[in-house]
């Protein structure tokens, strides 16, 4: 996997990622310890298809400076200047170039 570190210069926002680890007996979700990621938050309405093929409106797209796999059950918290700060993840896309994985885009 590759990642061009100069790309991080275009990512002014610090976000918090908590990876989903399962639920307890009452259905309450549990998450692993939070990690910080750099990214670019863009608030724009985009039509997307979720994992079930349903058309949805993505109100926020986050371009992350990582090639880490992110799941739709994970929790991604945006900086406090954005509202809502923890919208549900609708879809995740991982992009590559000739050298391998390049970055991750989260649609919320």
Foldseek 3Di string as FASTA:
>chain_A
DDEDVVVLVVFDWKKKKWAWDQADPVRHTDTHDIDIWTWHKDADWDWDQFPVRDTDTFRIKIKTRDQDDHDQPMWMATPPVDPPRTDGFRDKDWDDDPVGTYTIMTGD
